Amino acid sequence: MPSLKDMYRTLAKDPFPLEMTIRLGDQELHFRKRTWTIQGEERGLRYGENPDQPAALYALTRGSLNLGGIDFHPAGRGLVSALTEEHMLQAGKHPGKINLTDVDNGLNILQYLHAKPAAVILKHNNPCGAAWSDHGLETALSKAFWSDRIAAFGGAVVVNRPVDASCAAFLAKSFFEVVAAPDFEPMALDALTKRKSLRILRIPGLGRLDELCTAPFLDIKSLLDGGLIVQFSFRNKILAASDFLPASAQKENVLIHARSPNAREMDDLVFAWAVEAGVTSNSVIFARDGATVAVGTGEQDRVGCVQLTIHKARTKYADWLCFTELKQSLYELQQQAMTDNDAQARLADIEARTRLAKGGLPGSVMVSDGFFPFRDGVDLAVAQGVTAIAQPGGSMRDFEVIEAVNQAEPQVAMVFTGQRSFRH
């Protein structure tokens, strides 16, 4: 009987043609399937979303698109789809669809964070940790990792500055599937290539992502019946603090305004809104000092997403205490505490300190990809010590939502983005 593990080692046979053309009216986009020579064999994608799904990667090689007077990304600006053997500094098991789409979503986020060294760690096409820092890439990497050490296991790391020896030494301490950067110093490669299954990708375009953030690409969603929905890709309008809109609302001839964020809060809100562009909806993000504190993803209701993200923040904070002080995970300590009185006491202490610290949320900011239909989600966040909030605005209850931050002690700031950031 074959081992179940064999399914993950087996390459799915690729039946897809070498060339593909998409015609929109009188405009054509020409694509070519990307394959690589690895260990003397021509290979395409390892497999698709799951091992029994064949998949292929196509690169836009010729053609351009203009719709409604808007120029889309033209051929010749490839990133993930432009990977060649030269860019695969180490192929590991060579990439499958999920590895590359995780990296691609890291690029999607980092295109808005090009002003500083930044790092994103992704799992299942969502960021589990992200950070940027004026103090360099290693600081950003460390902050991104510690914001969710648990989810980072086996993730894809994407950074927007070259990886040096100190960054590589930090990365080599943990298990990752992929590391992608604009370049790697020789000593950094020496450290990373010791992880033989690690996929190491050099993507030169990571160093010039600022060139990409204003033009859309053609976003295609395939339907179960074979139909297609096409749309302009999301483009973030909040690239600086000045792009936020003042939060104000009127009710029964009474006009109210929210407090404007201070400089620190604004910087964190700009950062968090950039990360929000890569998070599955409904979502909220808590961030502080240029790093995510907790990322809430894929919930059906807004207040439920806030509740979940608070829970995640407390879990990650408790795990951070366990791992840094006891060299074990929170779950290992919980298991040990079931039969060990000393472990039970250590767990009780960590849980008490986590409650006191509110999971590290005091002083953080919160962004929401959609408006708040009720004030309940805002009240929950304020109770955790959040000091500023950014959200699209436009709810019928904006007045009550602004009242919630104005009634807080001390008063919480709020701004509107004027755009929604849903991602499905």
Foldseek 3Di string as FASTA:
>chain_A
DDDPCVLVLQAADAPDDQKDWDDDPPWIWIKGWDWAQDPNDTGAASAEPGSHHRDTQIAGAATWDADPNATADGHPLDFLSPDYPVFFPAQQSHHHHQQSLLQVLQLQLCLLVLVFKKKFWDDSQATFKIFGDNVDNQVRVVQRCLLFVPVSAQTEMEILAEAELVSLVVVLVGHYAEYEYCYYDPNSCVSNVVPNNHGYGHGVCSNVSPVRQPHWHWDWDADPVRDIDTDTQDHAQLSALVLWAWQWDDDPNDIDTADADDPQQSVQVSSQVSSLLRAAPQWKFKDHPGMTNFIFGDDPALLVSLVVRLVVLLQSLLQSCCCVPVVDGLVVLVVVLVPDVVSVVVNVVSSVVSVVCSSVRARIEMEGLADHQALNSVLSSVVSRHAEYEHADDHPCSVRNSVSQCPRVVRHGYTHNVHGNHDD
